[in-house]
């Protein structure tokens, strides 16, 4: 099983879409929100994803296709 940490950044058009829920269900991934700041006009979420590496790669590609910015995160965010 693989684990990655990523940051999703949402624009006003995407902030109300349940991207993390859809990602988990479509790609059989476990998402653990480590930090977040979501408002009506924008938002970001630091997320740990666990699953098979192929599923993670496919899932992150799908998230980008939804118009969400995906950036890698190093280390653990919560101390």
Protein backbone atom coordinates (compact mmCIF):
# COMPACT_ATOMS: atom_id res chain seq x y z
CA UNK A 1 0.00 0.00 0.00
CA UNK A 2 1.22 3.48 -0.88
CA UNK A 3 0.76 6.79 0.93
CA UNK A 4 1.02 10.33 -0.43
CA UNK A 5 0.33 13.77 0.98
CA UNK A 6 -1.07 16.41 -1.33
CA UNK A 7 -2.63 19.85 -1.19
CA UNK A 8 -5.81 20.51 -3.14
CA UNK A 9 -6.56 24.16 -3.93
CA UNK A 10 -10.10 25.03 -4.97
CA UNK A 11 -11.47 28.00 -6.87
CA UNK A 12 -14.91 29.50 -6.22
CA UNK A 13 -16.42 27.29 -8.95
CA UNK A 14 -15.07 24.07 -7.42
CA UNK A 15 -15.26 24.65 -3.67
CA UNK A 16 -18.75 23.13 -3.28
CA UNK A 17 -18.01 19.91 -5.22
CA UNK A 18 -17.35 16.86 -2.96
CA UNK A 19 -14.09 16.00 -4.73
CA UNK A 20 -12.51 14.10 -1.80
CA UNK A 21 -15.57 11.89 -1.31
CA UNK A 22 -15.81 11.17 -5.03
CA UNK A 23 -12.05 10.48 -5.21
CA UNK A 24 -12.24 7.98 -2.35
CA UNK A 25 -15.20 6.12 -3.81
CA UNK A 26 -14.11 6.07 -7.47
CA UNK A 27 -10.50 5.05 -6.84
CA UNK A 28 -10.78 2.96 -3.66
CA UNK A 29 -8.61 5.36 -1.64
CA UNK A 30 -8.65 6.31 2.01
CA UNK A 31 -8.40 10.06 2.52
CA UNK A 32 -7.31 11.62 5.79
CA UNK A 33 -7.67 15.41 5.99
CA UNK A 34 -4.65 16.80 7.82
CA UNK A 35 -5.39 20.54 7.52
CA UNK A 36 -7.94 22.63 5.68
CA UNK A 37 -9.26 26.12 5.12
CA UNK A 38 -12.46 26.16 3.09
CA UNK A 39 -14.57 29.27 2.57
CA UNK A 40 -17.37 30.25 0.20
CA UNK A 41 -15.00 31.71 -2.38
CA UNK A 42 -11.98 29.37 -2.25
CA UNK A 43 -10.26 26.76 -0.18
CA UNK A 44 -7.42 24.35 0.29
CA UNK A 45 -7.09 20.94 1.90
CA UNK A 46 -3.95 19.02 2.85
CA UNK A 47 -4.82 15.38 2.44
CA UNK A 48 -3.10 12.08 3.07
CA UNK A 49 -4.14 9.39 0.60
CA UNK A 50 -3.63 5.66 1.19
CA UNK A 51 -4.15 3.02 -1.47
CA UNK A 52 -2.55 1.25 -4.38
CA UNK A 53 -0.10 3.50 -6.23
CA UNK A 54 -1.89 3.06 -9.57
CA UNK A 55 -5.18 4.10 -7.94
CA UNK A 56 -3.53 7.15 -6.34
CA UNK A 57 -1.99 8.20 -9.65
CA UNK A 58 -5.28 7.74 -11.53
CA UNK A 59 -7.21 9.50 -8.80
CA UNK A 60 -4.94 12.54 -8.73
CA UNK A 61 -5.12 12.77 -12.51
CA UNK A 62 -8.92 12.76 -12.24
CA UNK A 63 -8.82 15.49 -9.54
CA UNK A 64 -6.73 17.71 -11.83
CA UNK A 65 -9.22 17.09 -14.64
CA UNK A 66 -11.93 18.44 -12.31
CA UNK A 67 -10.08 21.77 -12.19
CA UNK A 68 -8.55 21.37 -8.73
CA UNK A 69 -4.88 22.31 -8.31
CA UNK A 70 -2.85 19.43 -6.82
CA UNK A 71 0.54 20.03 -5.18
CA UNK A 72 2.75 17.54 -3.34
CA UNK A 73 3.34 18.02 0.41
CA UNK A 74 6.41 16.75 2.25
CA UNK A 75 6.37 15.53 5.83
CA UNK A 76 3.50 15.45 8.29
CA UNK A 77 1.48 18.62 8.68
CA UNK A 78 -0.08 17.91 12.07
CA UNK A 79 2.40 17.87 14.92
